Amino acid sequence: MSAAAGSLAAVVRPLVLVVDDDPDILDAVCEILEGEGYRVARARNGREALDSVEQEAPAVILLDLMMPVMDGSAFAQALRGRPRHRAIPFVLLTAAGSQQKATALGASGYLAKPFEIEMLLSYVAGFTRPGVVLATRP
């Protein structure tokens, strides 16, 4: 494989944004995803996550609810208020929420902490597989 082809492959790998204020969870989830071949961006709160989304829109966001500076609910509302980014799917990854809360926030999925790694990878794969068309929320 040529160097150009190798660098092209690195560019097209899906980006997953992981947002959690717990450094242990953030590191663990990122390591799992990187081990599966995903590019990963990290944010410790909603404000950092919005900044990250502005730099490069991820294929999917894994979002905690309870965080300092800007919590997951405020982030979700801000994301949905941005026309360029409102269609980015996000999955709540939290001990503080419920499926009903996830639905109310417009989340595309919900995983309660502690979660099964296989379920996490299944959600991420569902949003990053080639040919998957995601519905756009109004």
N, C-alpha and C. Protein backbone atom coordinates (compact mmCIF):
# COMPACT_ATOMS: atom_id res chain seq x y z
N MET A 1 0.85 -1.16 0.00
CA MET A 1 0.00 0.00 0.00
C MET A 1 0.91 1.24 0.00
N SER A 2 0.55 2.21 -0.81
CA SER A 2 1.35 3.43 -0.88
C SER A 2 1.12 4.28 0.36
N ALA A 3 2.05 5.21 0.61
CA ALA A 3 1.91 6.12 1.76
C ALA A 3 0.66 6.96 1.60
N ALA A 4 0.33 7.37 0.39
CA ALA A 4 -0.87 8.18 0.16
C ALA A 4 -2.12 7.37 0.49
N ALA A 5 -2.15 6.12 0.09
CA ALA A 5 -3.32 5.28 0.39
C ALA A 5 -3.45 5.06 1.88
N GLY A 6 -2.32 4.87 2.58
CA GLY A 6 -2.36 4.68 4.03
C GLY A 6 -2.87 5.90 4.74
N SER A 7 -2.43 7.08 4.31
CA SER A 7 -2.90 8.30 4.97
C SER A 7 -4.36 8.56 4.66
N LEU A 8 -4.82 8.18 3.46
CA LEU A 8 -6.23 8.35 3.12
C LEU A 8 -7.09 7.47 4.03
N ALA A 9 -6.64 6.24 4.31
CA ALA A 9 -7.39 5.35 5.18
C ALA A 9 -7.50 5.95 6.58
N ALA A 10 -6.46 6.63 7.05
CA ALA A 10 -6.51 7.23 8.37
C ALA A 10 -7.50 8.38 8.42
N VAL A 11 -7.65 9.10 7.31
CA VAL A 11 -8.55 10.25 7.27
C VAL A 11 -10.01 9.81 7.31
N VAL A 12 -10.34 8.69 6.71
CA VAL A 12 -11.74 8.30 6.60
C VAL A 12 -12.24 7.44 7.76
N ARG A 13 -11.37 7.10 8.70
CA ARG A 13 -11.86 6.34 9.86
C ARG A 13 -12.86 7.21 10.62
N PRO A 14 -13.95 6.66 11.08
CA PRO A 14 -14.97 7.46 11.77
C PRO A 14 -14.44 8.07 13.07
N LEU A 15 -14.89 9.28 13.33
CA LEU A 15 -14.54 9.98 14.56
C LEU A 15 -15.67 9.82 15.57
N VAL A 16 -15.32 9.43 16.79
CA VAL A 16 -16.26 9.31 17.89
C VAL A 16 -15.84 10.31 18.96
N LEU A 17 -16.79 11.15 19.39
CA LEU A 17 -16.53 12.11 20.46
C LEU A 17 -17.04 11.51 21.77
N VAL A 18 -16.17 11.38 22.75
CA VAL A 18 -16.52 10.84 24.05
C VAL A 18 -16.49 11.99 25.05
N VAL A 19 -17.62 12.19 25.75
CA VAL A 19 -17.76 13.33 26.66
C VAL A 19 -18.10 12.80 28.06
N ASP A 20 -17.14 12.92 28.98
CA ASP A 20 -17.34 12.44 30.35
C ASP A 20 -16.33 13.13 31.25
N ASP A 21 -16.77 13.55 32.43
CA ASP A 21 -15.87 14.23 33.35
C ASP A 21 -15.06 13.27 34.21
N ASP A 22 -15.40 11.99 34.21
CA ASP A 22 -14.66 10.99 34.98
C ASP A 22 -13.48 10.52 34.14
N PRO A 23 -12.25 10.87 34.54
CA PRO A 23 -11.09 10.52 33.71
C PRO A 23 -10.91 9.02 33.51
N ASP A 24 -11.29 8.21 34.47
CA ASP A 24 -11.14 6.76 34.32
C ASP A 24 -12.08 6.23 33.24
N ILE A 25 -13.32 6.69 33.26
CA ILE A 25 -14.30 6.25 32.25
C ILE A 25 -13.91 6.79 30.88
N LEU A 26 -13.52 8.06 30.84
CA LEU A 26 -13.10 8.68 29.58
C LEU A 26 -11.95 7.90 28.96
N ASP A 27 -10.93 7.61 29.75
CA ASP A 27 -9.77 6.86 29.25
C ASP A 27 -10.16 5.45 28.80
N ALA A 28 -10.97 4.77 29.59
CA ALA A 28 -11.35 3.39 29.26
C ALA A 28 -12.14 3.32 27.96
N VAL A 29 -13.14 4.19 27.83
CA VAL A 29 -13.97 4.18 26.62
C VAL A 29 -13.12 4.54 25.40
N CYS A 30 -12.28 5.54 25.53
CA CYS A 30 -11.42 5.94 24.41
C CYS A 30 -10.47 4.83 24.01
N GLU A 31 -9.87 4.15 24.98
CA GLU A 31 -8.96 3.05 24.68
C GLU A 31 -9.68 1.92 23.96
N ILE A 32 -10.88 1.60 24.39
CA ILE A 32 -11.67 0.54 23.74
C ILE A 32 -11.94 0.92 22.29
N LEU A 33 -12.39 2.15 22.07
CA LEU A 33 -12.73 2.58 20.71
C LEU A 33 -11.49 2.66 19.82
N GLU A 34 -10.40 3.18 20.36
CA GLU A 34 -9.16 3.24 19.59
C GLU A 34 -8.68 1.84 19.23
N GLY A 35 -8.85 0.90 20.14
CA GLY A 35 -8.49 -0.49 19.88
C GLY A 35 -9.32 -1.12 18.77
N GLU A 36 -10.51 -0.58 18.55
CA GLU A 36 -11.38 -1.06 17.49
C GLU A 36 -11.17 -0.30 16.17
N GLY A 37 -10.22 0.64 16.18
CA GLY A 37 -9.89 1.34 14.95
C GLY A 37 -10.56 2.68 14.73
N TYR A 38 -11.29 3.17 15.71
CA TYR A 38 -11.93 4.48 15.58
C TYR A 38 -10.96 5.60 15.92
N ARG A 39 -11.17 6.76 15.31
CA ARG A 39 -10.51 7.97 15.78
C ARG A 39 -11.38 8.49 16.92
N VAL A 40 -10.75 9.02 17.94
CA VAL A 40 -11.50 9.42 19.13
C VAL A 40 -11.11 10.85 19.53
N ALA A 41 -12.12 11.65 19.84
CA ALA A 41 -11.91 12.97 20.43
C ALA A 41 -12.47 12.90 21.84
N ARG A 42 -11.83 13.63 22.76
CA ARG A 42 -12.22 13.60 24.17
C ARG A 42 -12.68 14.98 24.60
N ALA A 43 -13.67 14.99 25.49
CA ALA A 43 -14.10 16.23 26.12
C ALA A 43 -14.53 15.91 27.54
N ARG A 44 -14.22 16.83 28.47
CA ARG A 44 -14.54 16.60 29.88
C ARG A 44 -15.83 17.27 30.32
N ASN A 45 -16.44 18.05 29.42
CA ASN A 45 -17.72 18.70 29.72
C ASN A 45 -18.35 19.15 28.41
N GLY A 46 -19.57 19.64 28.50
CA GLY A 46 -20.30 20.04 27.31
C GLY A 46 -19.66 21.18 26.54
N ARG A 47 -19.05 22.12 27.24
CA ARG A 47 -18.39 23.25 26.57
C ARG A 47 -17.23 22.74 25.71
N GLU A 48 -16.39 21.86 26.27
CA GLU A 48 -15.30 21.29 25.49
C GLU A 48 -15.84 20.48 24.31
N ALA A 49 -16.96 19.80 24.52
CA ALA A 49 -17.56 19.00 23.45
C ALA A 49 -18.04 19.89 22.31
N LEU A 50 -18.66 21.02 22.62
CA LEU A 50 -19.10 21.93 21.56
C LEU A 50 -17.91 22.46 20.77
N ASP A 51 -16.83 22.78 21.47
CA ASP A 51 -15.61 23.22 20.79
C ASP A 51 -15.08 22.14 19.86
N SER A 52 -15.11 20.90 20.32
CA SER A 52 -14.62 19.78 19.52
C SER A 52 -15.49 19.57 18.28
N VAL A 53 -16.80 19.69 18.44
CA VAL A 53 -17.72 19.52 17.31
C VAL A 53 -17.46 20.60 16.26
N GLU A 54 -17.13 21.80 16.71
CA GLU A 54 -16.82 22.89 15.77
C GLU A 54 -15.57 22.58 14.96
N GLN A 55 -14.61 21.93 15.58
CA GLN A 55 -13.36 21.59 14.88
C GLN A 55 -13.59 20.50 13.84
N GLU A 56 -14.33 19.46 14.22
CA GLU A 56 -14.65 18.36 13.30
C GLU A 56 -15.88 17.64 13.81
N ALA A 57 -16.89 17.55 12.95
CA ALA A 57 -18.12 16.87 13.34
C ALA A 57 -17.88 15.37 13.45
N PRO A 58 -18.20 14.79 14.60
CA PRO A 58 -18.01 13.34 14.75
C PRO A 58 -19.15 12.56 14.11
N ALA A 59 -18.91 11.27 13.91
CA ALA A 59 -19.96 10.39 13.41
C ALA A 59 -21.01 10.14 14.49
N VAL A 60 -20.57 10.11 15.74
CA VAL A 60 -21.46 9.88 16.88
C VAL A 60 -20.79 10.45 18.14
N ILE A 61 -21.63 10.84 19.09
CA ILE A 61 -21.15 11.38 20.37
C ILE A 61 -21.63 10.46 21.48
N LEU A 62 -20.73 10.07 22.38
CA LEU A 62 -21.08 9.33 23.59
C LEU A 62 -21.05 10.33 24.72
N LEU A 63 -22.19 10.56 25.36
CA LEU A 63 -22.37 11.71 26.23
C LEU A 63 -22.82 11.34 27.64
N ASP A 64 -22.07 11.80 28.63
CA ASP A 64 -22.48 11.69 30.03
C ASP A 64 -23.46 12.83 30.31
N LEU A 65 -24.28 12.68 31.34
CA LEU A 65 -25.22 13.74 31.70
C LEU A 65 -24.67 14.69 32.76
N MET A 66 -24.17 14.13 33.85
CA MET A 66 -23.75 14.95 34.97
C MET A 66 -22.28 15.32 34.85
N MET A 67 -22.03 16.60 34.48
CA MET A 67 -20.67 17.10 34.31
C MET A 67 -20.63 18.56 34.75
N PRO A 68 -19.47 19.03 35.13
CA PRO A 68 -19.34 20.45 35.48
C PRO A 68 -19.30 21.32 34.22
N VAL A 69 -19.33 22.61 34.40
CA VAL A 69 -19.23 23.64 33.36
C VAL A 69 -20.47 23.66 32.48
N MET A 70 -20.71 22.60 31.73
CA MET A 70 -21.93 22.43 30.93
C MET A 70 -22.28 20.96 30.97
N ASP A 71 -23.46 20.63 31.51
CA ASP A 71 -23.84 19.23 31.63
C ASP A 71 -24.36 18.68 30.29
N GLY A 72 -24.66 17.40 30.29
CA GLY A 72 -25.09 16.73 29.07
C GLY A 72 -26.40 17.27 28.52
N SER A 73 -27.34 17.63 29.38
CA SER A 73 -28.61 18.18 28.92
C SER A 73 -28.41 19.51 28.21
N ALA A 74 -27.60 20.39 28.79
CA ALA A 74 -27.33 21.70 28.18
C ALA A 74 -26.57 21.52 26.86
N PHE A 75 -25.65 20.56 26.83
CA PHE A 75 -24.93 20.28 25.59
C PHE A 75 -25.89 19.83 24.50
N ALA A 76 -26.78 18.88 24.83
CA ALA A 76 -27.73 18.36 23.84
C ALA A 76 -28.59 19.48 23.28
N GLN A 77 -29.06 20.36 24.14
CA GLN A 77 -29.89 21.48 23.70
C GLN A 77 -29.07 22.41 22.79
N ALA A 78 -27.83 22.71 23.16
CA ALA A 78 -26.99 23.58 22.35
C ALA A 78 -26.67 22.93 20.99
N LEU A 79 -26.40 21.63 20.99
CA LEU A 79 -26.10 20.92 19.75
C LEU A 79 -27.29 20.96 18.81
N ARG A 80 -28.47 20.70 19.33
CA ARG A 80 -29.68 20.69 18.50
C ARG A 80 -30.04 22.09 17.99
N GLY A 81 -29.52 23.11 18.67
CA GLY A 81 -29.76 24.48 18.23
C GLY A 81 -28.81 24.94 17.13
N ARG A 82 -27.89 24.11 16.75
CA ARG A 82 -26.92 24.46 15.70
C ARG A 82 -27.30 23.71 14.42
N PRO A 83 -27.78 24.44 13.42
CA PRO A 83 -28.24 23.77 12.20
C PRO A 83 -27.22 22.84 11.56
N ARG A 84 -25.93 23.21 11.57
CA ARG A 84 -24.90 22.36 10.95
C ARG A 84 -24.68 21.06 11.70
N HIS A 85 -25.03 21.04 12.99
CA HIS A 85 -24.68 19.88 13.82
C HIS A 85 -25.88 19.15 14.42
N ARG A 86 -27.07 19.63 14.19
CA ARG A 86 -28.22 19.04 14.88
C ARG A 86 -28.49 17.58 14.51
N ALA A 87 -27.99 17.14 13.37
CA ALA A 87 -28.23 15.75 12.96
C ALA A 87 -27.20 14.77 13.51
N ILE A 88 -26.18 15.26 14.20
CA ILE A 88 -25.17 14.35 14.76
C ILE A 88 -25.84 13.50 15.85
N PRO A 89 -25.79 12.19 15.72
CA PRO A 89 -26.41 11.35 16.75
C PRO A 89 -25.57 11.33 18.02
N PHE A 90 -26.27 11.26 19.15
CA PHE A 90 -25.56 11.08 20.41
C PHE A 90 -26.24 10.01 21.25
N VAL A 91 -25.42 9.31 22.00
CA VAL A 91 -25.88 8.24 22.88
C VAL A 91 -25.55 8.65 24.30
N LEU A 92 -26.56 8.66 25.17
CA LEU A 92 -26.30 8.95 26.58
C LEU A 92 -25.63 7.73 27.20
N LEU A 93 -24.55 8.01 27.90
CA LEU A 93 -23.74 6.99 28.57
C LEU A 93 -23.65 7.46 30.02
N THR A 94 -24.64 7.10 30.85
CA THR A 94 -24.74 7.74 32.15
C THR A 94 -25.38 6.86 33.20
N ALA A 95 -25.05 7.13 34.43
CA ALA A 95 -25.70 6.46 35.56
C ALA A 95 -26.87 7.31 36.07
N ALA A 96 -26.96 8.55 35.59
CA ALA A 96 -27.92 9.51 36.14
C ALA A 96 -29.18 9.67 35.30
N GLY A 97 -29.32 8.93 34.24
CA GLY A 97 -30.45 9.15 33.36
C GLY A 97 -31.33 7.93 33.22
N SER A 98 -32.18 7.98 32.21
CA SER A 98 -33.09 6.88 31.90
C SER A 98 -33.38 6.93 30.41
N GLN A 99 -33.99 5.89 29.91
CA GLN A 99 -34.38 5.86 28.49
C GLN A 99 -35.33 7.02 28.20
N GLN A 100 -36.23 7.33 29.15
CA GLN A 100 -37.17 8.43 28.95
C GLN A 100 -36.43 9.76 28.85
N LYS A 101 -35.43 9.97 29.70
CA LYS A 101 -34.63 11.20 29.66
C LYS A 101 -33.88 11.28 28.33
N ALA A 102 -33.32 10.16 27.90
CA ALA A 102 -32.60 10.13 26.63
C ALA A 102 -33.52 10.53 25.48
N THR A 103 -34.71 9.97 25.47
CA THR A 103 -35.68 10.29 24.42
C THR A 103 -36.06 11.76 24.47
N ALA A 104 -36.29 12.28 25.66
CA ALA A 104 -36.67 13.69 25.82
C ALA A 104 -35.57 14.63 25.32
N LEU A 105 -34.31 14.21 25.45
CA LEU A 105 -33.19 15.04 25.00
C LEU A 105 -32.90 14.88 23.51
N GLY A 106 -33.56 13.93 22.86
CA GLY A 106 -33.32 13.70 21.45
C GLY A 106 -32.16 12.76 21.18
N ALA A 107 -31.77 11.99 22.20
CA ALA A 107 -30.66 11.05 22.04
C ALA A 107 -31.05 9.92 21.10
N SER A 108 -30.06 9.39 20.43
CA SER A 108 -30.27 8.27 19.52
C SER A 108 -30.13 6.93 20.23
N GLY A 109 -29.73 6.97 21.50
CA GLY A 109 -29.57 5.75 22.27
C GLY A 109 -29.25 6.06 23.71
N TYR A 110 -29.27 5.02 24.53
CA TYR A 110 -29.02 5.16 25.96
C TYR A 110 -28.32 3.90 26.48
N LEU A 111 -27.23 4.11 27.20
CA LEU A 111 -26.55 3.01 27.89
C LEU A 111 -26.35 3.43 29.34
N ALA A 112 -26.85 2.60 30.26
CA ALA A 112 -26.68 2.89 31.68
C ALA A 112 -25.31 2.41 32.14
N LYS A 113 -24.64 3.25 32.93
CA LYS A 113 -23.38 2.85 33.55
C LYS A 113 -23.70 1.99 34.77
N PRO A 114 -23.00 0.92 35.00
CA PRO A 114 -21.97 0.34 34.13
C PRO A 114 -22.63 -0.33 32.93
N PHE A 115 -21.95 -0.36 31.81
CA PHE A 115 -22.49 -0.89 30.57
C PHE A 115 -21.59 -2.01 30.06
N GLU A 116 -22.16 -2.80 29.17
CA GLU A 116 -21.41 -3.88 28.53
C GLU A 116 -20.64 -3.29 27.35
N ILE A 117 -19.38 -3.65 27.23
CA ILE A 117 -18.55 -3.16 26.14
C ILE A 117 -19.16 -3.53 24.79
N GLU A 118 -19.72 -4.71 24.68
CA GLU A 118 -20.32 -5.15 23.42
C GLU A 118 -21.47 -4.23 23.01
N MET A 119 -22.26 -3.78 23.98
CA MET A 119 -23.36 -2.87 23.68
C MET A 119 -22.83 -1.52 23.20
N LEU A 120 -21.80 -1.02 23.87
CA LEU A 120 -21.18 0.24 23.46
C LEU A 120 -20.69 0.13 22.02
N LEU A 121 -19.95 -0.92 21.71
CA LEU A 121 -19.42 -1.09 20.37
C LEU A 121 -20.53 -1.28 19.34
N SER A 122 -21.61 -1.92 19.74
CA SER A 122 -22.75 -2.11 18.84
C SER A 122 -23.38 -0.77 18.49
N TYR A 123 -23.58 0.08 19.49
CA TYR A 123 -24.13 1.42 19.22
C TYR A 123 -23.22 2.19 18.28
N VAL A 124 -21.95 2.23 18.58
CA VAL A 124 -21.01 3.00 17.77
C VAL A 124 -20.97 2.47 16.34
N ALA A 125 -20.91 1.16 16.20
CA ALA A 125 -20.89 0.56 14.86
C ALA A 125 -22.15 0.91 14.08
N GLY A 126 -23.27 0.97 14.76
CA GLY A 126 -24.53 1.29 14.10
C GLY A 126 -24.55 2.68 13.48
N PHE A 127 -23.76 3.59 14.03
CA PHE A 127 -23.71 4.95 13.51
C PHE A 127 -22.52 5.21 12.60
N THR A 128 -21.61 4.25 12.49
CA THR A 128 -20.39 4.51 11.73
C THR A 128 -20.18 3.55 10.57
N ARG A 129 -21.06 2.58 10.41
CA ARG A 129 -20.90 1.65 9.28
C ARG A 129 -21.15 2.37 7.97
N PRO A 130 -20.36 2.07 6.94
CA PRO A 130 -20.62 2.67 5.63
C PRO A 130 -22.02 2.30 5.15
N GLY A 131 -22.70 3.24 4.58
CA GLY A 131 -24.03 3.00 4.04
C GLY A 131 -25.15 3.20 5.03
N VAL A 132 -24.84 3.44 6.29
CA VAL A 132 -25.89 3.70 7.27
C VAL A 132 -26.39 5.12 7.09
N VAL A 133 -27.69 5.27 6.89
CA VAL A 133 -28.28 6.58 6.74
C VAL A 133 -28.99 6.91 8.04
N LEU A 134 -28.62 8.04 8.63
CA LEU A 134 -29.21 8.45 9.89
C LEU A 134 -30.35 9.42 9.64
N ALA A 135 -31.43 9.24 10.35
CA ALA A 135 -32.55 10.16 10.22
C ALA A 135 -32.16 11.51 10.79
N THR A 136 -32.62 12.57 10.15
CA THR A 136 -32.35 13.92 10.63
C THR A 136 -33.52 14.35 11.49
N ARG A 137 -33.20 14.86 12.66
CA ARG A 137 -34.24 15.37 13.56
C ARG A 137 -34.57 16.80 13.16
N PRO A 138 -35.88 17.17 13.27
CA PRO A 138 -36.25 18.55 12.94
C PRO A 138 -35.68 19.54 13.91
